[in-house]
Amino acid sequence: MQPIDDRIIEARQNPDLLEPMIADYERFILASAADVSRHHVSKSDDEWSVALIAFYDAVRTYDAVKGRFLSYARLMIRSRLIDYFRSQGRHHNQVSLELVEDQSLAAQTPDFGLKDEIDAISDVLANYHISFDELARCSPKAVKTKKACAAVIRFLLDTPLLVSRMRQTRTLPVSIIEKNVPVPRKILERHRKYIVTAVEILSGDYPYLSEYLAFIKRGAKE
């Protein structure tokens, strides 16, 4: 089979080549969708349609600097399905920080920037005595709590001085947050590690990990 990077270039120049290329990668698209959905996905499922469009967009937007194409496409499919599940209220299938901790994701993409980002953020979180194992336990599950945490994260991102203070003291400025964001103290304390991690990712150079937290910034516009 012709290298996929060459086929992408040709398909962009000749749309007639796009459909047969996608047909050759149907199994990849289905497998990627099933990996995120955590159940078998067939071409009659909504997940297939979402994943197919994501694959098409990956072809349209791919650049070699983004790593290998299939790794890029897999991340694109994952991100679109997360948004789809969220829009459907299927929170049990969401992939947020709970799955960012999953080292198997990094292992599947050894040449992709995601692994480097996970390694880098792990070093940063170590300064706060936060491990990926803890994130699954302290990540908010209820929609109301997620929104509350998102509001706190946006406030910190909009106040660089507080982010700088957080990094210097290795603690969340709970008292200042309480005075500016109507969020109960118990939420701040219970989800402190989640908030710190999200702030570090969204304020740092982590484009791939930031995909998993894009809903936080989008929430400010809703």
N, C-alpha and C. Protein backbone atom coordinates (compact mmCIF):
# COMPACT_ATOMS: atom_id res chain seq x y z
N MET A 1 0.85 -1.20 0.00
CA MET A 1 0.00 0.00 0.00
C MET A 1 0.88 1.25 0.00
N GLN A 2 0.47 2.24 -0.75
CA GLN A 2 1.22 3.50 -0.83
C GLN A 2 1.25 4.18 0.54
N PRO A 3 2.39 4.78 0.94
CA PRO A 3 2.47 5.48 2.23
C PRO A 3 1.33 6.48 2.38
N ILE A 4 0.74 6.51 3.56
CA ILE A 4 -0.44 7.35 3.75
C ILE A 4 -0.15 8.83 3.60
N ASP A 5 1.06 9.27 3.98
CA ASP A 5 1.39 10.69 3.82
C ASP A 5 1.30 11.11 2.36
N ASP A 6 1.77 10.23 1.44
CA ASP A 6 1.69 10.52 0.01
C ASP A 6 0.24 10.53 -0.46
N ARG A 7 -0.55 9.62 0.08
CA ARG A 7 -1.96 9.55 -0.31
C ARG A 7 -2.73 10.78 0.16
N ILE A 8 -2.36 11.31 1.32
CA ILE A 8 -3.01 12.52 1.82
C ILE A 8 -2.77 13.68 0.88
N ILE A 9 -1.54 13.85 0.45
CA ILE A 9 -1.19 14.93 -0.47
C ILE A 9 -1.98 14.80 -1.76
N GLU A 10 -2.05 13.58 -2.29
CA GLU A 10 -2.78 13.35 -3.55
C GLU A 10 -4.28 13.57 -3.38
N ALA A 11 -4.81 13.14 -2.23
CA ALA A 11 -6.24 13.30 -1.98
C ALA A 11 -6.64 14.76 -1.85
N ARG A 12 -5.75 15.56 -1.31
CA ARG A 12 -6.03 16.99 -1.20
C ARG A 12 -6.09 17.63 -2.58
N GLN A 13 -5.28 17.13 -3.47
CA GLN A 13 -5.24 17.67 -4.83
C GLN A 13 -6.34 17.10 -5.71
N ASN A 14 -6.75 15.86 -5.39
CA ASN A 14 -7.78 15.19 -6.17
C ASN A 14 -8.79 14.53 -5.23
N PRO A 15 -9.91 15.20 -4.94
CA PRO A 15 -10.91 14.68 -4.00
C PRO A 15 -11.43 13.29 -4.35
N ASP A 16 -11.34 12.90 -5.62
CA ASP A 16 -11.81 11.57 -6.02
C ASP A 16 -11.01 10.46 -5.36
N LEU A 17 -9.81 10.79 -4.90
CA LEU A 17 -8.94 9.78 -4.27
C LEU A 17 -9.21 9.64 -2.77
N LEU A 18 -9.99 10.58 -2.24
CA LEU A 18 -10.23 10.58 -0.80
C LEU A 18 -11.07 9.38 -0.35
N GLU A 19 -12.15 9.11 -1.08
CA GLU A 19 -13.04 8.01 -0.67
C GLU A 19 -12.35 6.65 -0.65
N PRO A 20 -11.59 6.28 -1.70
CA PRO A 20 -10.89 4.99 -1.62
C PRO A 20 -9.84 4.94 -0.51
N MET A 21 -9.21 6.08 -0.21
CA MET A 21 -8.24 6.10 0.87
C MET A 21 -8.92 5.85 2.21
N ILE A 22 -10.06 6.51 2.42
CA ILE A 22 -10.80 6.31 3.66
C ILE A 22 -11.29 4.86 3.76
N ALA A 23 -11.69 4.29 2.64
CA ALA A 23 -12.15 2.89 2.64
C ALA A 23 -11.04 1.96 3.11
N ASP A 24 -9.81 2.26 2.71
CA ASP A 24 -8.68 1.42 3.12
C ASP A 24 -8.40 1.51 4.61
N TYR A 25 -8.86 2.61 5.24
CA TYR A 25 -8.57 2.82 6.66
C TYR A 25 -9.82 2.72 7.53
N GLU A 26 -10.85 2.06 7.00
CA GLU A 26 -12.08 1.88 7.77
C GLU A 26 -11.83 1.14 9.08
N ARG A 27 -11.03 0.10 9.02
CA ARG A 27 -10.76 -0.69 10.23
C ARG A 27 -10.05 0.15 11.28
N PHE A 28 -9.15 1.01 10.83
CA PHE A 28 -8.45 1.91 11.76
C PHE A 28 -9.45 2.87 12.41
N ILE A 29 -10.34 3.43 11.61
CA ILE A 29 -11.33 4.38 12.14
C ILE A 29 -12.25 3.70 13.14
N LEU A 30 -12.73 2.51 12.79
CA LEU A 30 -13.62 1.77 13.68
C LEU A 30 -12.91 1.38 14.99
N ALA A 31 -11.67 0.94 14.86
CA ALA A 31 -10.90 0.54 16.05
C ALA A 31 -10.65 1.73 16.95
N SER A 32 -10.34 2.88 16.36
CA SER A 32 -10.09 4.09 17.15
C SER A 32 -11.37 4.52 17.88
N ALA A 33 -12.50 4.42 17.17
CA ALA A 33 -13.79 4.78 17.78
C ALA A 33 -14.14 3.82 18.91
N ALA A 34 -13.89 2.55 18.70
CA ALA A 34 -14.19 1.54 19.72
C ALA A 34 -13.32 1.74 20.95
N ASP A 35 -12.07 2.16 20.75
CA ASP A 35 -11.15 2.37 21.86
C ASP A 35 -11.67 3.47 22.79
N VAL A 36 -12.22 4.53 22.19
CA VAL A 36 -12.75 5.63 23.00
C VAL A 36 -14.11 5.25 23.59
N SER A 37 -14.95 4.62 22.78
CA SER A 37 -16.31 4.30 23.20
C SER A 37 -16.37 3.16 24.21
N ARG A 38 -15.32 2.34 24.21
CA ARG A 38 -15.25 1.18 25.10
C ARG A 38 -16.32 0.14 24.80
N HIS A 39 -16.69 0.07 23.54
CA HIS A 39 -17.57 -1.02 23.08
C HIS A 39 -17.38 -1.17 21.58
N HIS A 40 -17.84 -2.29 21.05
CA HIS A 40 -17.70 -2.52 19.61
C HIS A 40 -18.46 -1.45 18.84
N VAL A 41 -17.85 -0.93 17.78
CA VAL A 41 -18.48 0.08 16.95
C VAL A 41 -18.59 -0.45 15.52
N SER A 42 -19.79 -0.35 14.97
CA SER A 42 -20.01 -0.75 13.58
C SER A 42 -20.36 0.49 12.76
N LYS A 43 -20.48 0.33 11.45
CA LYS A 43 -20.75 1.46 10.57
C LYS A 43 -22.20 1.94 10.69
N SER A 44 -23.00 1.24 11.46
CA SER A 44 -24.38 1.68 11.68
C SER A 44 -24.50 2.54 12.95
N ASP A 45 -23.41 2.67 13.69
CA ASP A 45 -23.43 3.44 14.94
C ASP A 45 -23.11 4.91 14.69
N ASP A 46 -23.63 5.76 15.58
CA ASP A 46 -23.33 7.20 15.49
C ASP A 46 -21.84 7.46 15.65
N GLU A 47 -21.20 6.63 16.48
CA GLU A 47 -19.76 6.81 16.71
C GLU A 47 -18.97 6.70 15.41
N TRP A 48 -19.43 5.86 14.51
CA TRP A 48 -18.75 5.72 13.22
C TRP A 48 -18.82 7.04 12.43
N SER A 49 -19.98 7.65 12.40
CA SER A 49 -20.13 8.91 11.66
C SER A 49 -19.24 10.00 12.23
N VAL A 50 -19.21 10.08 13.57
CA VAL A 50 -18.37 11.09 14.22
C VAL A 50 -16.89 10.84 13.92
N ALA A 51 -16.49 9.59 14.03
CA ALA A 51 -15.09 9.23 13.79
C ALA A 51 -14.71 9.43 12.33
N LEU A 52 -15.63 9.14 11.42
CA LEU A 52 -15.35 9.31 9.99
C LEU A 52 -15.10 10.77 9.64
N ILE A 53 -15.94 11.64 10.18
CA ILE A 53 -15.77 13.08 9.93
C ILE A 53 -14.45 13.56 10.54
N ALA A 54 -14.13 13.05 11.71
CA ALA A 54 -12.87 13.43 12.36
C ALA A 54 -11.68 12.99 11.52
N PHE A 55 -11.76 11.79 10.95
CA PHE A 55 -10.67 11.29 10.10
C PHE A 55 -10.53 12.19 8.87
N TYR A 56 -11.64 12.55 8.28
CA TYR A 56 -11.62 13.43 7.12
C TYR A 56 -10.97 14.78 7.48
N ASP A 57 -11.35 15.33 8.63
CA ASP A 57 -10.76 16.60 9.07
C ASP A 57 -9.28 16.45 9.36
N ALA A 58 -8.88 15.28 9.85
CA ALA A 58 -7.46 15.03 10.10
C ALA A 58 -6.69 15.06 8.78
N VAL A 59 -7.27 14.48 7.74
CA VAL A 59 -6.64 14.52 6.41
C VAL A 59 -6.50 15.96 5.94
N ARG A 60 -7.55 16.73 6.16
CA ARG A 60 -7.58 18.12 5.69
C ARG A 60 -6.60 19.02 6.42
N THR A 61 -6.37 18.76 7.72
CA THR A 61 -5.57 19.67 8.54
C THR A 61 -4.18 19.15 8.88
N TYR A 62 -3.88 17.93 8.46
CA TYR A 62 -2.60 17.31 8.86
C TYR A 62 -1.40 18.06 8.31
N ASP A 63 -0.38 18.14 9.16
CA ASP A 63 0.92 18.68 8.76
C ASP A 63 1.98 17.76 9.37
N ALA A 64 3.05 17.50 8.64
CA ALA A 64 4.07 16.56 9.10
C ALA A 64 4.66 16.93 10.46
N VAL A 65 4.66 18.22 10.80
CA VAL A 65 5.24 18.64 12.08
C VAL A 65 4.39 18.14 13.26
N LYS A 66 3.18 17.67 12.99
CA LYS A 66 2.30 17.19 14.06
C LYS A 66 2.56 15.73 14.41
N GLY A 67 3.59 15.16 13.81
CA GLY A 67 3.91 13.76 14.09
C GLY A 67 3.38 12.86 13.00
N ARG A 68 3.27 11.59 13.29
CA ARG A 68 2.75 10.65 12.30
C ARG A 68 1.25 10.84 12.13
N PHE A 69 0.80 10.68 10.89
CA PHE A 69 -0.60 10.97 10.60
C PHE A 69 -1.57 10.12 11.41
N LEU A 70 -1.35 8.82 11.48
CA LEU A 70 -2.32 7.95 12.17
C LEU A 70 -2.43 8.30 13.65
N SER A 71 -1.34 8.73 14.25
CA SER A 71 -1.40 9.17 15.65
C SER A 71 -2.22 10.45 15.76
N TYR A 72 -2.01 11.35 14.81
CA TYR A 72 -2.76 12.60 14.77
C TYR A 72 -4.25 12.31 14.55
N ALA A 73 -4.56 11.42 13.63
CA ALA A 73 -5.95 11.08 13.34
C ALA A 73 -6.60 10.42 14.54
N ARG A 74 -5.86 9.55 15.23
CA ARG A 74 -6.42 8.88 16.41
C ARG A 74 -6.80 9.90 17.48
N LEU A 75 -5.93 10.89 17.69
CA LEU A 75 -6.23 11.92 18.69
C LEU A 75 -7.42 12.76 18.25
N MET A 76 -7.52 13.06 16.95
CA MET A 76 -8.64 13.83 16.44
C MET A 76 -9.95 13.07 16.66
N ILE A 77 -9.96 11.79 16.37
CA ILE A 77 -11.15 10.96 16.57
C ILE A 77 -11.53 10.94 18.04
N ARG A 78 -10.54 10.74 18.90
CA ARG A 78 -10.79 10.71 20.35
C ARG A 78 -11.42 12.02 20.82
N SER A 79 -10.86 13.14 20.38
CA SER A 79 -11.35 14.44 20.81
C SER A 79 -12.78 14.68 20.36
N ARG A 80 -13.09 14.32 19.10
CA ARG A 80 -14.44 14.54 18.58
C ARG A 80 -15.47 13.66 19.28
N LEU A 81 -15.08 12.43 19.58
CA LEU A 81 -16.01 11.53 20.27
C LEU A 81 -16.26 11.98 21.71
N ILE A 82 -15.22 12.51 22.34
CA ILE A 82 -15.40 13.05 23.70
C ILE A 82 -16.45 14.16 23.67
N ASP A 83 -16.31 15.07 22.69
CA ASP A 83 -17.28 16.16 22.56
C ASP A 83 -18.68 15.61 22.28
N TYR A 84 -18.75 14.58 21.45
CA TYR A 84 -20.05 13.98 21.13
C TYR A 84 -20.69 13.36 22.37
N PHE A 85 -19.91 12.59 23.12
CA PHE A 85 -20.45 11.96 24.32
C PHE A 85 -20.91 13.02 25.32
N ARG A 86 -20.13 14.07 25.43
CA ARG A 86 -20.49 15.13 26.37
C ARG A 86 -21.81 15.78 25.95
N SER A 87 -21.96 16.03 24.66
CA SER A 87 -23.19 16.66 24.17
C SER A 87 -24.41 15.76 24.38
N GLN A 88 -24.17 14.45 24.42
CA GLN A 88 -25.25 13.49 24.64
C GLN A 88 -25.47 13.19 26.12
N GLY A 89 -24.65 13.79 26.98
CA GLY A 89 -24.78 13.57 28.40
C GLY A 89 -24.27 12.22 28.84
N ARG A 90 -23.40 11.61 28.04
CA ARG A 90 -22.88 10.28 28.37
C ARG A 90 -21.57 10.41 29.12
N HIS A 91 -21.66 10.88 30.35
CA HIS A 91 -20.46 11.20 31.12
C HIS A 91 -19.63 9.98 31.47
N HIS A 92 -20.25 8.81 31.50
CA HIS A 92 -19.47 7.63 31.86
C HIS A 92 -18.48 7.27 30.77
N ASN A 93 -18.68 7.84 29.57
CA ASN A 93 -17.75 7.55 28.48
C ASN A 93 -16.78 8.69 28.24
N GLN A 94 -16.86 9.73 29.04
CA GLN A 94 -15.98 10.87 28.82
C GLN A 94 -14.53 10.48 29.05
N VAL A 95 -13.66 11.12 28.29
CA VAL A 95 -12.24 10.92 28.48
C VAL A 95 -11.65 12.28 28.79
N SER A 96 -11.43 12.54 30.08
CA SER A 96 -10.85 13.82 30.47
C SER A 96 -9.56 13.51 31.18
N LEU A 97 -9.30 14.16 32.27
CA LEU A 97 -8.05 13.90 32.99
C LEU A 97 -7.97 12.47 33.49
N GLU A 98 -9.14 11.82 33.65
CA GLU A 98 -9.11 10.45 34.13
C GLU A 98 -8.34 9.54 33.18
N LEU A 99 -8.44 9.83 31.86
CA LEU A 99 -7.74 8.99 30.90
C LEU A 99 -6.42 9.59 30.45
N VAL A 100 -6.19 10.85 30.74
CA VAL A 100 -4.87 11.41 30.45
C VAL A 100 -3.83 10.67 31.27
N GLU A 101 -4.27 10.17 32.42
CA GLU A 101 -3.34 9.44 33.27
C GLU A 101 -2.96 8.09 32.67
N ASP A 102 -3.76 7.60 31.71
CA ASP A 102 -3.58 6.25 31.17
C ASP A 102 -2.32 6.19 30.34
N GLN A 103 -1.29 5.59 30.86
CA GLN A 103 -0.02 5.53 30.17
C GLN A 103 -0.10 4.68 28.90
N SER A 104 -1.14 3.85 28.77
CA SER A 104 -1.27 3.04 27.57
C SER A 104 -1.50 3.93 26.36
N LEU A 105 -2.14 5.10 26.55
CA LEU A 105 -2.33 6.03 25.45
C LEU A 105 -0.99 6.48 24.92
N ALA A 106 -0.09 6.83 25.84
CA ALA A 106 1.24 7.27 25.42
C ALA A 106 1.99 6.13 24.75
N ALA A 107 1.80 4.92 25.27
CA ALA A 107 2.51 3.78 24.72
C ALA A 107 2.07 3.50 23.29
N GLN A 108 0.81 3.83 22.96
CA GLN A 108 0.31 3.59 21.62
C GLN A 108 0.87 4.60 20.62
N THR A 109 1.40 5.72 21.11
CA THR A 109 1.87 6.76 20.22
C THR A 109 3.30 7.15 20.57
N PRO A 110 4.28 6.25 20.43
CA PRO A 110 5.64 6.52 20.86
C PRO A 110 6.32 7.64 20.10
N ASP A 111 5.85 7.95 18.88
CA ASP A 111 6.48 9.00 18.08
C ASP A 111 5.66 10.27 18.10
N PHE A 112 4.67 10.30 18.95
CA PHE A 112 3.75 11.43 18.96
C PHE A 112 4.05 12.34 20.14
N GLY A 113 3.73 13.64 19.98
CA GLY A 113 4.03 14.60 21.02
C GLY A 113 3.31 14.37 22.33
N LEU A 114 2.23 13.58 22.28
CA LEU A 114 1.46 13.35 23.50
C LEU A 114 2.29 12.69 24.59
N LYS A 115 3.09 11.71 24.23
CA LYS A 115 3.92 11.02 25.23
C LYS A 115 4.88 12.00 25.89
N ASP A 116 5.50 12.86 25.09
CA ASP A 116 6.42 13.86 25.65
C ASP A 116 5.70 14.80 26.59
N GLU A 117 4.48 15.17 26.23
CA GLU A 117 3.71 16.07 27.09
C GLU A 117 3.35 15.41 28.42
N ILE A 118 2.98 14.13 28.37
CA ILE A 118 2.65 13.42 29.60
C ILE A 118 3.87 13.34 30.51
N ASP A 119 5.02 13.04 29.91
CA ASP A 119 6.26 12.98 30.69
C ASP A 119 6.58 14.34 31.31
N ALA A 120 6.39 15.41 30.51
CA ALA A 120 6.72 16.76 30.99
C ALA A 120 5.78 17.20 32.11
N ILE A 121 4.48 16.97 31.94
CA ILE A 121 3.54 17.41 32.97
C ILE A 121 3.70 16.57 34.23
N SER A 122 4.13 15.33 34.08
CA SER A 122 4.37 14.48 35.26
C SER A 122 5.46 15.09 36.14
N ASP A 123 6.49 15.62 35.50
CA ASP A 123 7.58 16.26 36.25
C ASP A 123 7.08 17.51 36.96
N VAL A 124 6.23 18.27 36.28
CA VAL A 124 5.69 19.50 36.87
C VAL A 124 4.80 19.15 38.08
N LEU A 125 3.94 18.16 37.91
CA LEU A 125 3.01 17.79 38.98
C LEU A 125 3.74 17.20 40.19
N ALA A 126 4.89 16.62 39.95
CA ALA A 126 5.66 16.07 41.06
C ALA A 126 6.03 17.16 42.06
N ASN A 127 6.18 18.40 41.57
CA ASN A 127 6.49 19.52 42.46
C ASN A 127 5.34 19.82 43.42
N TYR A 128 4.14 19.43 43.01
CA TYR A 128 2.96 19.64 43.87
C TYR A 128 2.61 18.35 44.63
N HIS A 129 3.44 17.34 44.47
CA HIS A 129 3.17 16.02 45.07
C HIS A 129 1.86 15.44 44.54
N ILE A 130 1.65 15.62 43.23
CA ILE A 130 0.48 15.09 42.57
C ILE A 130 0.92 14.00 41.59
N SER A 131 0.24 12.87 41.64
CA SER A 131 0.53 11.79 40.69
C SER A 131 -0.70 11.53 39.83
N PHE A 132 -0.49 10.92 38.68
CA PHE A 132 -1.61 10.61 37.80
C PHE A 132 -2.61 9.67 38.48
N ASP A 133 -2.11 8.80 39.33
CA ASP A 133 -2.99 7.86 40.02
C ASP A 133 -4.05 8.59 40.84
N GLU A 134 -3.68 9.75 41.39
CA GLU A 134 -4.60 10.50 42.23
C GLU A 134 -5.65 11.25 41.42
N LEU A 135 -5.32 11.61 40.19
CA LEU A 135 -6.21 12.45 39.40
C LEU A 135 -7.56 11.80 39.13
N ALA A 136 -7.55 10.49 38.91
CA ALA A 136 -8.82 9.80 38.65
C ALA A 136 -9.75 9.93 39.85
N ARG A 137 -9.17 9.93 41.04
CA ARG A 137 -9.99 10.00 42.26
C ARG A 137 -10.48 11.42 42.56
N CYS A 138 -9.68 12.42 42.19
CA CYS A 138 -10.05 13.79 42.56
C CYS A 138 -10.69 14.58 41.41
N SER A 139 -10.83 13.96 40.24
CA SER A 139 -11.48 14.65 39.13
C SER A 139 -12.98 14.70 39.38
N PRO A 140 -13.60 15.84 39.11
CA PRO A 140 -15.05 15.98 39.36
C PRO A 140 -15.85 15.09 38.42
N LYS A 141 -16.94 14.53 38.93
CA LYS A 141 -17.78 13.65 38.12
C LYS A 141 -19.13 14.31 37.77
N ALA A 142 -19.74 14.97 38.75
CA ALA A 142 -21.04 15.60 38.52
C ALA A 142 -20.89 16.83 37.63
N VAL A 143 -21.89 17.06 36.78
CA VAL A 143 -21.84 18.19 35.84
C VAL A 143 -21.69 19.51 36.59
N LYS A 144 -22.46 19.68 37.66
CA LYS A 144 -22.40 20.93 38.44
C LYS A 144 -21.00 21.17 39.01
N THR A 145 -20.39 20.11 39.50
CA THR A 145 -19.04 20.23 40.07
C THR A 145 -18.01 20.51 38.98
N LYS A 146 -18.17 19.89 37.83
CA LYS A 146 -17.26 20.16 36.71
C LYS A 146 -17.31 21.63 36.32
N LYS A 147 -18.53 22.17 36.27
CA LYS A 147 -18.68 23.58 35.89
C LYS A 147 -18.06 24.50 36.95
N ALA A 148 -18.21 24.13 38.22
CA ALA A 148 -17.64 24.93 39.30
C ALA A 148 -16.12 24.95 39.20
N CYS A 149 -15.54 23.78 38.99
CA CYS A 149 -14.08 23.68 38.85
C CYS A 149 -13.60 24.44 37.63
N ALA A 150 -14.37 24.34 36.54
CA ALA A 150 -14.00 25.04 35.30
C ALA A 150 -13.98 26.56 35.52
N ALA A 151 -14.94 27.05 36.31
CA ALA A 151 -14.99 28.49 36.60
C ALA A 151 -13.75 28.92 37.39
N VAL A 152 -13.33 28.09 38.32
CA VAL A 152 -12.12 28.39 39.11
C VAL A 152 -10.89 28.38 38.21
N ILE A 153 -10.81 27.40 37.35
CA ILE A 153 -9.65 27.28 36.45
C ILE A 153 -9.57 28.49 35.52
N ARG A 154 -10.73 28.91 34.98
CA ARG A 154 -10.73 30.09 34.10
C ARG A 154 -10.31 31.35 34.86
N PHE A 155 -10.76 31.47 36.10
CA PHE A 155 -10.38 32.63 36.91
C PHE A 155 -8.86 32.68 37.10
N LEU A 156 -8.27 31.55 37.40
CA LEU A 156 -6.81 31.50 37.58
C LEU A 156 -6.08 31.80 36.28
N LEU A 157 -6.57 31.25 35.17
CA LEU A 157 -5.93 31.50 33.88
C LEU A 157 -6.01 32.98 33.49
N ASP A 158 -7.07 33.63 33.94
CA ASP A 158 -7.24 35.06 33.64
C ASP A 158 -6.47 35.94 34.63
N THR A 159 -5.84 35.30 35.63
CA THR A 159 -5.09 36.05 36.64
C THR A 159 -3.68 35.46 36.74
N PRO A 160 -2.81 35.77 35.78
CA PRO A 160 -1.46 35.20 35.74
C PRO A 160 -0.67 35.35 37.02
N LEU A 161 -0.93 36.44 37.76
CA LEU A 161 -0.22 36.66 39.02
C LEU A 161 -0.51 35.53 40.02
N LEU A 162 -1.74 35.07 40.02
CA LEU A 162 -2.11 33.97 40.92
C LEU A 162 -1.50 32.65 40.48
N VAL A 163 -1.41 32.46 39.16
CA VAL A 163 -0.77 31.24 38.64
C VAL A 163 0.69 31.23 39.05
N SER A 164 1.33 32.39 38.94
CA SER A 164 2.74 32.51 39.35
C SER A 164 2.89 32.22 40.84
N ARG A 165 1.95 32.74 41.64
CA ARG A 165 1.99 32.50 43.09
C ARG A 165 1.78 31.01 43.39
N MET A 166 0.86 30.40 42.67
CA MET A 166 0.59 28.98 42.85
C MET A 166 1.85 28.16 42.60
N ARG A 167 2.59 28.53 41.56
CA ARG A 167 3.80 27.80 41.22
C ARG A 167 4.92 28.02 42.24
N GLN A 168 4.95 29.21 42.80
CA GLN A 168 5.99 29.51 43.78
C GLN A 168 5.73 28.81 45.11
N THR A 169 4.46 28.81 45.53
CA THR A 169 4.12 28.25 46.84
C THR A 169 3.74 26.76 46.76
N ARG A 170 3.48 26.29 45.53
CA ARG A 170 3.04 24.90 45.30
C ARG A 170 1.70 24.63 45.98
N THR A 171 0.89 25.67 46.14
CA THR A 171 -0.43 25.51 46.75
C THR A 171 -1.46 26.31 45.97
N LEU A 172 -2.71 25.91 46.09
CA LEU A 172 -3.81 26.62 45.44
C LEU A 172 -4.22 27.80 46.33
N PRO A 173 -4.32 29.01 45.78
CA PRO A 173 -4.70 30.18 46.58
C PRO A 173 -6.20 30.17 46.91
N VAL A 174 -6.59 29.27 47.78
CA VAL A 174 -8.00 29.03 48.08
C VAL A 174 -8.71 30.28 48.59
N SER A 175 -8.11 31.00 49.51
CA SER A 175 -8.77 32.18 50.10
C SER A 175 -9.10 33.23 49.04
N ILE A 176 -8.16 33.48 48.15
CA ILE A 176 -8.39 34.49 47.10
C ILE A 176 -9.45 34.00 46.12
N ILE A 177 -9.41 32.73 45.79
CA ILE A 177 -10.41 32.17 44.87
C ILE A 177 -11.80 32.31 45.46
N GLU A 178 -11.94 32.00 46.76
CA GLU A 178 -13.24 32.08 47.44
C GLU A 178 -13.85 33.47 47.33
N LYS A 179 -13.01 34.50 47.37
CA LYS A 179 -13.49 35.87 47.33
C LYS A 179 -13.90 36.31 45.94
N ASN A 180 -13.48 35.57 44.93
CA ASN A 180 -13.73 35.99 43.55
C ASN A 180 -14.60 35.05 42.72
N VAL A 181 -14.70 33.82 43.17
CA VAL A 181 -15.51 32.83 42.45
C VAL A 181 -16.49 32.18 43.43
N PRO A 182 -17.79 32.18 43.11
CA PRO A 182 -18.79 31.60 44.03
C PRO A 182 -18.77 30.07 44.02
N VAL A 183 -17.70 29.54 44.57
CA VAL A 183 -17.54 28.08 44.63
C VAL A 183 -17.28 27.68 46.08
N PRO A 184 -18.01 26.71 46.61
CA PRO A 184 -17.80 26.28 48.01
C PRO A 184 -16.37 25.83 48.27
N ARG A 185 -15.87 26.13 49.44
CA ARG A 185 -14.51 25.76 49.81
C ARG A 185 -14.28 24.25 49.73
N LYS A 186 -15.31 23.47 50.06
CA LYS A 186 -15.14 22.01 50.05
C LYS A 186 -14.84 21.50 48.64
N ILE A 187 -15.38 22.17 47.63
CA ILE A 187 -15.09 21.77 46.25
C ILE A 187 -13.64 22.10 45.92
N LEU A 188 -13.18 23.27 46.36
CA LEU A 188 -11.79 23.67 46.11
C LEU A 188 -10.82 22.69 46.77
N GLU A 189 -11.14 22.28 47.97
CA GLU A 189 -10.25 21.37 48.69
C GLU A 189 -10.31 19.96 48.13
N ARG A 190 -11.52 19.52 47.78
CA ARG A 190 -11.68 18.15 47.28
C ARG A 190 -11.06 17.96 45.90
N HIS A 191 -11.11 19.03 45.09
CA HIS A 191 -10.64 18.90 43.71
C HIS A 191 -9.42 19.77 43.42
N ARG A 192 -8.68 20.08 44.47
CA ARG A 192 -7.49 20.94 44.34
C ARG A 192 -6.52 20.41 43.30
N LYS A 193 -6.23 19.12 43.35
CA LYS A 193 -5.22 18.55 42.45
C LYS A 193 -5.68 18.59 41.00
N TYR A 194 -6.97 18.39 40.79
CA TYR A 194 -7.52 18.48 39.44
C TYR A 194 -7.38 19.91 38.91
N ILE A 195 -7.72 20.88 39.75
CA ILE A 195 -7.65 22.29 39.35
C ILE A 195 -6.21 22.69 39.03
N VAL A 196 -5.29 22.32 39.90
CA VAL A 196 -3.87 22.64 39.69
C VAL A 196 -3.38 22.03 38.38
N THR A 197 -3.72 20.78 38.14
CA THR A 197 -3.27 20.10 36.93
C THR A 197 -3.83 20.78 35.68
N ALA A 198 -5.11 21.10 35.70
CA ALA A 198 -5.73 21.75 34.56
C ALA A 198 -5.10 23.12 34.28
N VAL A 199 -4.83 23.87 35.33
CA VAL A 199 -4.20 25.19 35.16
C VAL A 199 -2.80 25.05 34.56
N GLU A 200 -2.03 24.09 35.05
CA GLU A 200 -0.70 23.88 34.52
C GLU A 200 -0.73 23.48 33.04
N ILE A 201 -1.67 22.62 32.69
CA ILE A 201 -1.77 22.18 31.29
C ILE A 201 -2.21 23.32 30.38
N LEU A 202 -3.27 24.03 30.78
CA LEU A 202 -3.83 25.07 29.91
C LEU A 202 -2.98 26.34 29.86
N SER A 203 -2.11 26.53 30.85
CA SER A 203 -1.25 27.72 30.83
C SER A 203 0.15 27.39 30.32
N GLY A 204 0.37 26.11 30.01
CA GLY A 204 1.69 25.69 29.55
C GLY A 204 1.69 25.31 28.08
N ASP A 205 2.77 24.69 27.66
CA ASP A 205 2.93 24.31 26.26
C ASP A 205 2.56 22.83 26.09
N TYR A 206 1.26 22.56 26.19
CA TYR A 206 0.77 21.19 26.09
C TYR A 206 -0.42 21.13 25.12
N PRO A 207 -0.19 21.36 23.84
CA PRO A 207 -1.31 21.42 22.87
C PRO A 207 -2.15 20.16 22.81
N TYR A 208 -1.54 18.99 22.95
CA TYR A 208 -2.31 17.75 22.83
C TYR A 208 -3.13 17.49 24.10
N LEU A 209 -2.51 17.64 25.26
CA LEU A 209 -3.24 17.46 26.51
C LEU A 209 -4.35 18.51 26.66
N SER A 210 -4.11 19.71 26.13
CA SER A 210 -5.11 20.77 26.22
C SER A 210 -6.40 20.40 25.50
N GLU A 211 -6.28 19.50 24.50
CA GLU A 211 -7.47 19.05 23.77
C GLU A 211 -8.49 18.43 24.73
N TYR A 212 -7.99 17.75 25.75
CA TYR A 212 -8.87 17.06 26.69
C TYR A 212 -9.58 18.04 27.62
N LEU A 213 -9.08 19.27 27.68
CA LEU A 213 -9.65 20.26 28.59
C LEU A 213 -10.24 21.45 27.84
N ALA A 214 -10.44 21.28 26.54
CA ALA A 214 -10.95 22.38 25.72
C ALA A 214 -12.31 22.87 26.20
N PHE A 215 -13.10 21.98 26.82
CA PHE A 215 -14.44 22.36 27.29
C PHE A 215 -14.37 23.46 28.34
N ILE A 216 -13.25 23.57 29.05
CA ILE A 216 -13.13 24.59 30.09
C ILE A 216 -13.12 25.98 29.48
N LYS A 217 -12.34 26.15 28.43
CA LYS A 217 -12.28 27.46 27.77
C LYS A 217 -13.55 27.73 26.99
N ARG A 218 -14.13 26.69 26.41
CA ARG A 218 -15.37 26.89 25.67
C ARG A 218 -16.48 27.35 26.58
N GLY A 219 -16.46 26.88 27.81
CA GLY A 219 -17.51 27.23 28.76
C GLY A 219 -17.63 28.71 29.01
N ALA A 220 -16.53 29.43 28.85
CA ALA A 220 -16.55 30.89 29.08
C ALA A 220 -17.37 31.60 28.02
N LYS A 221 -17.55 30.94 26.86
CA LYS A 221 -18.28 31.57 25.74
C LYS A 221 -19.73 31.15 25.69
N GLU A 222 -20.10 30.17 26.52
CA GLU A 222 -21.46 29.64 26.48
C GLU A 222 -22.41 30.45 27.37
